[in-house]
């Protein structure tokens, strides 16, 4: 915020056209970064609201997880070995 205020003061004070263009570019960059930060902060605040409930009931937040990739496994051979072992042992 201080960088923004300083750049705005420089923009107002300077008469050099080239310097004004540079400062205006920097101001637009700072403003877009500030807007992005505000959006991220709003997103964080909405996530934290779950934990700040005034309800007496405990709230369990849901945690989003990505889908896991699964592979087919043929259990026939390992089970055959186990069954053979147990049949022979009796």
PDB file of N, CA and C in Angstrom:
ATOM      1  N   UNK A   1       0.825  -1.187   0.000  1.00  0.00           N
ATOM      2  CA  UNK A   1       0.000   0.000   0.000  1.00  0.00           C
ATOM      3  C   UNK A   1       0.875   1.259   0.000  1.00  0.00           C
ATOM      4  N   UNK A   2       1.996   1.185   0.707  1.00  0.00           N
ATOM      5  CA  UNK A   2       2.906   2.347   0.727  1.00  0.00           C
ATOM      6  C   UNK A   2       3.527   2.566  -0.648  1.00  0.00           C
ATOM      7  N   UNK A   3       3.849   1.470  -1.328  1.00  0.00           N
ATOM      8  CA  UNK A   3       4.403   1.574  -2.677  1.00  0.00           C
ATOM      9  C   UNK A   3       3.386   2.248  -3.595  1.00  0.00           C
ATOM     10  N   UNK A   4       2.148   1.867  -3.450  1.00  0.00           N
ATOM     11  CA  UNK A   4       1.092   2.460  -4.261  1.00  0.00           C
ATOM     12  C   UNK A   4       0.948   3.947  -3.964  1.00  0.00           C
ATOM     13  N   UNK A   5       0.938   4.309  -2.679  1.00  0.00           N
ATOM     14  CA  UNK A   5       0.795   5.716  -2.292  1.00  0.00           C
ATOM     15  C   UNK A   5       1.978   6.537  -2.808  1.00  0.00           C
ATOM     16  N   UNK A   6       3.178   5.980  -2.690  1.00  0.00           N
ATOM     17  CA  UNK A   6       4.359   6.695  -3.185  1.00  0.00           C
ATOM     18  C   UNK A   6       4.313   6.882  -4.693  1.00  0.00           C
ATOM     19  N   UNK A   7       3.882   5.856  -5.408  1.00  0.00           N
ATOM     20  CA  UNK A   7       3.793   5.947  -6.864  1.00  0.00           C
ATOM     21  C   UNK A   7       2.728   6.968  -7.271  1.00  0.00           C
ATOM     22  N   UNK A   8       1.613   7.004  -6.550  1.00  0.00           N
ATOM     23  CA  UNK A   8       0.582   7.989  -6.857  1.00  0.00           C
ATOM     24  C   UNK A   8       1.084   9.405  -6.612  1.00  0.00           C
ATOM     25  N   UNK A   9       1.842   9.587  -5.533  1.00  0.00           N
ATOM     26  CA  UNK A   9       2.412  10.918  -5.253  1.00  0.00           C
ATOM     27  C   UNK A   9       3.406  11.323  -6.336  1.00  0.00           C
ATOM     28  N   UNK A  10       4.240  10.379  -6.772  1.00  0.00           N
ATOM     29  CA  UNK A  10       5.204  10.668  -7.823  1.00  0.00           C
ATOM     30  C   UNK A  10       4.483  11.004  -9.121  1.00  0.00           C
ATOM     31  N   UNK A  11       3.420  10.276  -9.414  1.00  0.00           N
ATOM     32  CA  UNK A  11       2.644  10.511 -10.629  1.00  0.00           C
ATOM     33  C   UNK A  11       2.060  11.920 -10.633  1.00  0.00           C
ATOM     34  N   UNK A  12       1.546  12.338  -9.463  1.00  0.00           N
ATOM     35  CA  UNK A  12       0.961  13.674  -9.357  1.00  0.00           C
ATOM     36  C   UNK A  12       2.019  14.768  -9.436  1.00  0.00           C
ATOM     37  N   UNK A  13       3.211  14.494  -8.891  1.00  0.00           N
ATOM     38  CA  UNK A  13       4.234  15.532  -8.767  1.00  0.00           C
ATOM     39  C   UNK A  13       5.067  15.731 -10.027  1.00  0.00           C
ATOM     40  N   UNK A  14       5.208  14.688 -10.841  1.00  0.00           N
ATOM     41  CA  UNK A  14       6.134  14.803 -11.974  1.00  0.00           C
ATOM     42  C   UNK A  14       5.463  15.428 -13.200  1.00  0.00           C
ATOM     43  N   UNK A  15       6.289  16.110 -13.963  1.00  0.00           N
ATOM     44  CA  UNK A  15       5.823  16.677 -15.233  1.00  0.00           C
ATOM     45  C   UNK A  15       6.482  15.971 -16.412  1.00  0.00           C
ATOM     46  N   UNK A  16       7.435  15.112 -16.129  1.00  0.00           N
ATOM     47  CA  UNK A  16       8.132  14.356 -17.160  1.00  0.00           C
ATOM     48  C   UNK A  16       7.192  13.279 -17.721  1.00  0.00           C
ATOM     49  N   UNK A  17       6.924  13.385 -19.019  1.00  0.00           N
ATOM     50  CA  UNK A  17       5.965  12.481 -19.650  1.00  0.00           C
ATOM     51  C   UNK A  17       6.407  11.026 -19.589  1.00  0.00           C
ATOM     52  N   UNK A  18       7.655  10.768 -19.845  1.00  0.00           N
ATOM     53  CA  UNK A  18       8.180   9.398 -19.834  1.00  0.00           C
ATOM     54  C   UNK A  18       8.080   8.787 -18.433  1.00  0.00           C
ATOM     55  N   UNK A  19       8.456   9.579 -17.432  1.00  0.00           N
ATOM     56  CA  UNK A  19       8.385   9.108 -16.045  1.00  0.00           C
ATOM     57  C   UNK A  19       6.934   8.848 -15.638  1.00  0.00           C
ATOM     58  N   UNK A  20       6.024   9.714 -16.084  1.00  0.00           N
ATOM     59  CA  UNK A  20       4.597   9.523 -15.777  1.00  0.00           C
ATOM     60  C   UNK A  20       4.080   8.220 -16.364  1.00  0.00           C
ATOM     61  N   UNK A  21       4.493   7.902 -17.599  1.00  0.00           N
ATOM     62  CA  UNK A  21       4.068   6.651 -18.237  1.00  0.00           C
ATOM     63  C   UNK A  21       4.593   5.447 -17.463  1.00  0.00           C
ATOM     64  N   UNK A  22       5.849   5.528 -17.041  1.00  0.00           N
ATOM     65  CA  UNK A  22       6.446   4.431 -16.275  1.00  0.00           C
ATOM     66  C   UNK A  22       5.721   4.242 -14.948  1.00  0.00           C
ATOM     67  N   UNK A  23       5.445   5.342 -14.272  1.00  0.00           N
ATOM     68  CA  UNK A  23       4.755   5.268 -12.984  1.00  0.00           C
ATOM     69  C   UNK A  23       3.329   4.743 -13.180  1.00  0.00           C
ATOM     70  N   UNK A  24       2.655   5.177 -14.238  1.00  0.00           N
ATOM     71  CA  UNK A  24       1.297   4.698 -14.513  1.00  0.00           C
ATOM     72  C   UNK A  24       1.300   3.192 -14.758  1.00  0.00           C
ATOM     73  N   UNK A  25       2.304   2.702 -15.459  1.00  0.00           N
ATOM     74  CA  UNK A  25       2.426   1.263 -15.703  1.00  0.00           C
ATOM     75  C   UNK A  25       2.641   0.517 -14.391  1.00  0.00           C
ATOM     76  N   UNK A  26       3.532   1.036 -13.574  1.00  0.00           N
ATOM     77  CA  UNK A  26       3.780   0.410 -12.266  1.00  0.00           C
ATOM     78  C   UNK A  26       2.531   0.446 -11.386  1.00  0.00           C
ATOM     79  N   UNK A  27       1.792   1.555 -11.429  1.00  0.00           N
ATOM     80  CA  UNK A  27       0.557   1.654 -10.648  1.00  0.00           C
ATOM     81  C   UNK A  27      -0.470   0.624 -11.095  1.00  0.00           C
ATOM     82  N   UNK A  28      -0.589   0.417 -12.390  1.00  0.00           N
ATOM     83  CA  UNK A  28      -1.554  -0.578 -12.865  1.00  0.00           C
ATOM     84  C   UNK A  28      -1.134  -1.975 -12.420  1.00  0.00           C
ATOM     85  N   UNK A  29       0.188  -2.237 -12.426  1.00  0.00           N
ATOM     86  CA  UNK A  29       0.697  -3.523 -11.964  1.00  0.00           C
ATOM     87  C   UNK A  29       0.408  -3.717 -10.473  1.00  0.00           C
ATOM     88  N   UNK A  30       0.668  -2.690  -9.674  1.00  0.00           N
ATOM     89  CA  UNK A  30       0.418  -2.763  -8.228  1.00  0.00           C
ATOM     90  C   UNK A  30      -1.076  -2.929  -7.960  1.00  0.00           C
ATOM     91  N   UNK A  31      -1.910  -2.199  -8.688  1.00  0.00           N
ATOM     92  CA  UNK A  31      -3.355  -2.302  -8.488  1.00  0.00           C
ATOM     93  C   UNK A  31      -3.870  -3.692  -8.839  1.00  0.00           C
ATOM     94  N   UNK A  32      -3.353  -4.279  -9.900  1.00  0.00           N
ATOM     95  CA  UNK A  32      -3.810  -5.633 -10.256  1.00  0.00           C
ATOM     96  C   UNK A  32      -3.350  -6.643  -9.210  1.00  0.00           C
ATOM     97  N   UNK A  33      -2.140  -6.474  -8.682  1.00  0.00           N
ATOM     98  CA  UNK A  33      -1.671  -7.368  -7.618  1.00  0.00           C
ATOM     99  C   UNK A  33      -2.505  -7.205  -6.350  1.00  0.00           C
ATOM    100  N   UNK A  34      -2.858  -5.979  -6.020  1.00  0.00           N
ATOM    101  CA  UNK A  34      -3.705  -5.746  -4.847  1.00  0.00           C
ATOM    102  C   UNK A  34      -5.085  -6.388  -5.020  1.00  0.00           C
ATOM    103  N   UNK A  35      -5.630  -6.289  -6.220  1.00  0.00           N
ATOM    104  CA  UNK A  35      -6.928  -6.907  -6.481  1.00  0.00           C
ATOM    105  C   UNK A  35      -6.836  -8.425  -6.332  1.00  0.00           C
ATOM    106  N   UNK A  36      -5.768  -9.017  -6.838  1.00  0.00           N
ATOM    107  CA  UNK A  36      -5.559 -10.458  -6.709  1.00  0.00           C
ATOM    108  C   UNK A  36      -5.440 -10.858  -5.238  1.00  0.00           C
ATOM    109  N   UNK A  37      -4.700 -10.083  -4.467  1.00  0.00           N
ATOM    110  CA  UNK A  37      -4.566 -10.352  -3.035  1.00  0.00           C
ATOM    111  C   UNK A  37      -5.902 -10.247  -2.314  1.00  0.00           C
ATOM    112  N   UNK A  38      -6.724  -9.256  -2.683  1.00  0.00           N
ATOM    113  CA  UNK A  38      -8.043  -9.115  -2.069  1.00  0.00           C
ATOM    114  C   UNK A  38      -8.901 -10.340  -2.350  1.00  0.00           C
ATOM    115  N   UNK A  39      -8.851 -10.842  -3.584  1.00  0.00           N
ATOM    116  CA  UNK A  39      -9.631 -12.028  -3.942  1.00  0.00           C
ATOM    117  C   UNK A  39      -9.149 -13.250  -3.167  1.00  0.00           C
ATOM    118  N   UNK A  40      -7.833 -13.397  -3.043  1.00  0.00           N
ATOM    119  CA  UNK A  40      -7.290 -14.530  -2.293  1.00  0.00           C
ATOM    120  C   UNK A  40      -7.662 -14.438  -0.818  1.00  0.00           C
ATOM    121  N   UNK A  41      -7.641 -13.233  -0.270  1.00  0.00           N
ATOM    122  CA  UNK A  41      -8.017 -13.037   1.123  1.00  0.00           C
ATOM    123  C   UNK A  41      -9.493 -13.357   1.342  1.00  0.00           C
ATOM    124  N   UNK A  42     -10.338 -12.952   0.411  1.00  0.00           N
ATOM    125  CA  UNK A  42     -11.767 -13.261   0.518  1.00  0.00           C
ATOM    126  C   UNK A  42     -11.981 -14.774   0.485  1.00  0.00           C
ATOM    127  N   UNK A  43     -11.222 -15.465  -0.362  1.00  0.00           N
ATOM    128  CA  UNK A  43     -11.326 -16.925  -0.438  1.00  0.00           C
ATOM    129  C   UNK A  43     -10.880 -17.569   0.874  1.00  0.00           C
ATOM    130  N   UNK A  44      -9.797 -17.071   1.441  1.00  0.00           N
ATOM    131  CA  UNK A  44      -9.327 -17.597   2.730  1.00  0.00           C
ATOM    132  C   UNK A  44     -10.346 -17.334   3.837  1.00  0.00           C
ATOM    133  N   UNK A  45     -10.920 -16.145   3.838  1.00  0.00           N
ATOM    134  CA  UNK A  45     -11.914 -15.816   4.860  1.00  0.00           C
ATOM    135  C   UNK A  45     -13.121 -16.729   4.769  1.00  0.00           C
ATOM    136  N   UNK A  46     -13.538 -17.074   3.556  1.00  0.00           N
ATOM    137  CA  UNK A  46     -14.692 -17.964   3.424  1.00  0.00           C
ATOM    138  C   UNK A  46     -14.347 -19.362   3.916  1.00  0.00           C
ATOM    139  N   UNK A  47     -13.083 -19.768   3.808  1.00  0.00           N
ATOM    140  CA  UNK A  47     -12.670 -21.078   4.306  1.00  0.00           C
ATOM    141  C   UNK A  47     -12.614 -21.097   5.829  1.00  0.00           C
ATOM    142  N   UNK A  48     -12.264 -19.992   6.426  1.00  0.00           N
ATOM    143  CA  UNK A  48     -12.104 -19.918   7.877  1.00  0.00           C
ATOM    144  C   UNK A  48     -13.455 -19.823   8.581  1.00  0.00           C
ATOM    145  N   UNK A  49     -14.484 -19.342   7.901  1.00  0.00           N
ATOM    146  CA  UNK A  49     -15.798 -19.187   8.521  1.00  0.00           C
ATOM    147  C   UNK A  49     -16.315 -20.498   9.089  1.00  0.00           C
ATOM    148  N   UNK A  50     -15.938 -21.615   8.504  1.00  0.00           N
ATOM    149  CA  UNK A  50     -16.372 -22.927   8.991  1.00  0.00           C
ATOM    150  C   UNK A  50     -15.933 -23.116  10.437  1.00  0.00           C
ATOM    151  N   UNK A  51     -14.755 -22.644  10.781  1.00  0.00           N
ATOM    152  CA  UNK A  51     -14.205 -22.823  12.112  1.00  0.00           C
ATOM    153  C   UNK A  51     -14.678 -21.761  13.103  1.00  0.00           C
ATOM    154  N   UNK A  52     -15.352 -20.730  12.625  1.00  0.00           N
ATOM    155  CA  UNK A  52     -15.781 -19.645  13.494  1.00  0.00           C
ATOM    156  C   UNK A  52     -17.281 -19.656  13.716  1.00  0.00           C
ATOM    157  N   UNK A  53     -17.885 -20.812  13.587  1.00  0.00           N
ATOM    158  CA  UNK A  53     -19.319 -20.937  13.760  1.00  0.00           C
ATOM    159  C   UNK A  53     -19.681 -20.726  15.227  1.00  0.00           C
ATOM    160  N   UNK A  54     -20.799 -20.084  15.464  1.00  0.00           N
ATOM    161  CA  UNK A  54     -21.273 -19.871  16.832  1.00  0.00           C
ATOM    162  C   UNK A  54     -22.187 -20.999  17.280  1.00  0.00           C
ATOM    163  N   UNK A  55     -22.375 -21.981  16.418  1.00  0.00           N
ATOM    164  CA  UNK A  55     -23.210 -23.124  16.736  1.00  0.00           C
ATOM    165  C   UNK A  55     -22.525 -23.982  17.790  1.00  0.00           C
ATOM    166  N   UNK A  56     -23.319 -24.609  18.651  1.00  0.00           N
ATOM    167  CA  UNK A  56     -22.739 -25.467  19.683  1.00  0.00           C
ATOM    168  C   UNK A  56     -22.366 -26.837  19.126  1.00  0.00           C
ATOM    169  N   UNK A  57     -22.919 -27.168  17.954  1.00  0.00           N
ATOM    170  CA  UNK A  57     -22.598 -28.447  17.342  1.00  0.00           C
ATOM    171  C   UNK A  57     -21.242 -28.359  16.653  1.00  0.00           C
ATOM    172  N   UNK A  58     -20.413 -29.386  16.821  1.00  0.00           N
ATOM    173  CA  UNK A  58     -19.128 -29.361  16.123  1.00  0.00           C
ATOM    174  C   UNK A  58     -19.333 -29.512  14.612  1.00  0.00           C
ATOM    175  N   UNK A  59     -18.524 -28.809  13.864  1.00  0.00           N
ATOM    176  CA  UNK A  59     -18.621 -28.844  12.409  1.00  0.00           C
ATOM    177  C   UNK A  59     -17.363 -29.500  11.856  1.00  0.00           C
ATOM    178  N   UNK A  60     -17.562 -30.490  11.006  1.00  0.00           N
ATOM    179  CA  UNK A  60     -16.429 -31.165  10.384  1.00  0.00           C
ATOM    180  C   UNK A  60     -16.279 -30.625   8.964  1.00  0.00           C
ATOM    181  N   UNK A  61     -15.207 -29.903   8.678  1.00  0.00           N
ATOM    182  CA  UNK A  61     -15.037 -29.362   7.322  1.00  0.00           C
ATOM    183  C   UNK A  61     -14.705 -30.477   6.335  1.00  0.00           C
ATOM    184  N   UNK A  62     -15.156 -30.317   5.133  1.00  0.00           N
ATOM    185  CA  UNK A  62     -14.855 -31.274   4.076  1.00  0.00           C
ATOM    186  C   UNK A  62     -13.573 -30.825   3.373  1.00  0.00           C
ATOM    187  N   UNK A  63     -12.680 -31.752   3.175  1.00  0.00           N
ATOM    188  CA  UNK A  63     -11.412 -31.444   2.522  1.00  0.00           C
ATOM    189  C   UNK A  63     -11.458 -32.021   1.114  1.00  0.00           C
ATOM    190  N   UNK A  64     -11.377 -31.176   0.091  1.00  0.00           N
ATOM    191  CA  UNK A  64     -11.444 -31.701  -1.276  1.00  0.00           C
ATOM    192  C   UNK A  64     -10.142 -32.411  -1.653  1.00  0.00           C
ATOM    193  N   UNK A  65     -10.280 -33.589  -2.175  1.00  0.00           N
ATOM    194  CA  UNK A  65      -9.128 -34.358  -2.636  1.00  0.00           C
ATOM    195  C   UNK A  65      -9.329 -34.706  -4.102  1.00  0.00           C
ATOM    196  N   UNK A  66      -8.259 -34.777  -4.833  1.00  0.00           N
ATOM    197  CA  UNK A  66      -8.337 -35.167  -6.231  1.00  0.00           C
ATOM    198  C   UNK A  66      -8.639 -36.655  -6.362  1.00  0.00           C
ATOM    199  N   UNK A  67      -9.087 -37.034  -7.533  1.00  0.00           N
ATOM    200  CA  UNK A  67      -9.371 -38.440  -7.780  1.00  0.00           C
ATOM    201  C   UNK A  67      -8.070 -39.220  -7.872  1.00  0.00           C
ATOM    202  N   UNK A  68      -8.093 -40.439  -7.348  1.00  0.00           N
ATOM    203  CA  UNK A  68      -6.917 -41.291  -7.415  1.00  0.00           C
ATOM    204  C   UNK A  68      -7.055 -42.242  -8.590  1.00  0.00           C
ATOM    205  N   UNK A  69      -5.939 -42.537  -9.196  1.00  0.00           N
ATOM    206  CA  UNK A  69      -5.939 -43.490 -10.298  1.00  0.00           C
ATOM    207  C   UNK A  69      -5.866 -44.896  -9.715  1.00  0.00           C
ATOM    208  N   UNK A  70      -6.714 -45.785 -10.222  1.00  0.00           N
ATOM    209  CA  UNK A  70      -6.708 -47.169  -9.741  1.00  0.00           C
ATOM    210  C   UNK A  70      -6.277 -48.102 -10.864  1.00  0.00           C
ATOM    211  N   UNK A  71      -5.724 -49.228 -10.483  1.00  0.00           N
ATOM    212  CA  UNK A  71      -5.299 -50.238 -11.446  1.00  0.00           C
ATOM    213  C   UNK A  71      -5.940 -51.559 -11.057  1.00  0.00           C
ATOM    214  N   UNK A  72      -6.249 -52.361 -12.054  1.00  0.00           N
ATOM    215  CA  UNK A  72      -6.815 -53.671 -11.779  1.00  0.00           C
ATOM    216  C   UNK A  72      -5.740 -54.587 -11.221  1.00  0.00           C
ATOM    217  N   UNK A  73      -6.125 -55.375 -10.257  1.00  0.00           N
ATOM    218  CA  UNK A  73      -5.200 -56.331  -9.654  1.00  0.00           C
ATOM    219  C   UNK A  73      -5.847 -57.710  -9.734  1.00  0.00           C
ATOM    220  N   UNK A  74      -5.085 -58.679 -10.184  1.00  0.00           N
ATOM    221  CA  UNK A  74      -5.577 -60.045 -10.258  1.00  0.00           C
ATOM    222  C   UNK A  74      -5.174 -60.770  -8.978  1.00  0.00           C
ATOM    223  N   UNK A  75      -6.144 -61.046  -8.122  1.00  0.00           N
ATOM    224  CA  UNK A  75      -5.883 -61.698  -6.845  1.00  0.00           C
ATOM    225  C   UNK A  75      -5.933 -63.225  -6.936  1.00  0.00           C
ATOM    226  N   UNK A  76      -6.245 -63.761  -8.104  1.00  0.00           N
ATOM    227  CA  UNK A  76      -6.408 -65.211  -8.208  1.00  0.00           C
ATOM    228  C   UNK A  76      -5.139 -65.976  -7.840  1.00  0.00           C
ATOM    229  N   UNK A  77      -4.011 -65.567  -8.384  1.00  0.00           N
ATOM    230  CA  UNK A  77      -2.758 -66.298  -8.116  1.00  0.00           C
ATOM    231  C   UNK A  77      -2.346 -66.235  -6.637  1.00  0.00           C
ATOM    232  N   UNK A  78      -2.317 -65.047  -6.036  1.00  0.00           N
ATOM    233  CA  UNK A  78      -1.949 -65.011  -4.606  1.00  0.00           C
ATOM    234  C   UNK A  78      -2.918 -65.815  -3.736  1.00  0.00           C
ATOM    235  N   UNK A  79      -4.220 -65.775  -4.054  1.00  0.00           N
ATOM    236  CA  UNK A  79      -5.190 -66.532  -3.263  1.00  0.00           C
ATOM    237  C   UNK A  79      -5.037 -68.031  -3.466  1.00  0.00           C
ATOM    238  N   UNK A  80      -4.658 -68.435  -4.693  1.00  0.00           N
ATOM    239  CA  UNK A  80      -4.423 -69.866  -4.941  1.00  0.00           C
ATOM    240  C   UNK A  80      -3.308 -70.367  -4.038  1.00  0.00           C
ATOM    241  N   UNK A  81      -2.231 -69.604  -3.946  1.00  0.00           N
ATOM    242  CA  UNK A  81      -1.095 -70.000  -3.101  1.00  0.00           C
ATOM    243  C   UNK A  81      -1.519 -70.092  -1.638  1.00  0.00           C
ATOM    244  N   UNK A  82      -2.303 -69.145  -1.173  1.00  0.00           N
ATOM    245  CA  UNK A  82      -2.758 -69.159   0.221  1.00  0.00           C
ATOM    246  C   UNK A  82      -3.642 -70.376   0.470  1.00  0.00           C
ATOM    247  N   UNK A  83      -4.559 -70.657  -0.463  1.00  0.00           N
ATOM    248  CA  UNK A  83      -5.459 -71.801  -0.305  1.00  0.00           C
ATOM    249  C   UNK A  83      -4.700 -73.124  -0.336  1.00  0.00           C
ATOM    250  N   UNK A  84      -3.707 -73.215  -1.220  1.00  0.00           N
ATOM    251  CA  UNK A  84      -2.889 -74.429  -1.273  1.00  0.00           C
ATOM    252  C   UNK A  84      -2.176 -74.643   0.049  1.00  0.00           C
ATOM    253  N   UNK A  85      -1.613 -73.599   0.591  1.00  0.00           N
ATOM    254  CA  UNK A  85      -0.874 -73.681   1.846  1.00  0.00           C
ATOM    255  C   UNK A  85      -1.778 -74.154   2.978  1.00  0.00           C
ATOM    256  N   UNK A  86      -2.976 -73.572   3.041  1.00  0.00           N
ATOM    257  CA  UNK A  86      -3.889 -73.932   4.130  1.00  0.00           C
ATOM    258  C   UNK A  86      -4.484 -75.325   3.963  1.00  0.00           C
ATOM    259  N   UNK A  87      -4.673 -75.793   2.732  1.00  0.00           N
ATOM    260  CA  UNK A  87      -5.183 -77.147   2.515  1.00  0.00           C
ATOM    261  C   UNK A  87      -4.143 -78.190   2.883  1.00  0.00           C
ATOM    262  N   UNK A  88      -2.887 -77.907   2.506  1.00  0.00           N
ATOM    263  CA  UNK A  88      -1.806 -78.859   2.782  1.00  0.00           C
ATOM    264  C   UNK A  88      -1.551 -78.926   4.279  1.00  0.00           C
ATOM    265  N   UNK A  89      -1.663 -77.814   4.956  1.00  0.00           N
ATOM    266  CA  UNK A  89      -1.373 -77.769   6.377  1.00  0.00           C
ATOM    267  C   UNK A  89      -2.376 -78.528   7.211  1.00  0.00           C
ATOM    268  N   UNK A  90      -3.563 -78.797   6.737  1.00  0.00           N
ATOM    269  CA  UNK A  90      -4.596 -79.477   7.551  1.00  0.00           C
ATOM    270  C   UNK A  90      -4.458 -80.958   7.512  1.00  0.00           C
TER     271      UNK A  90
END
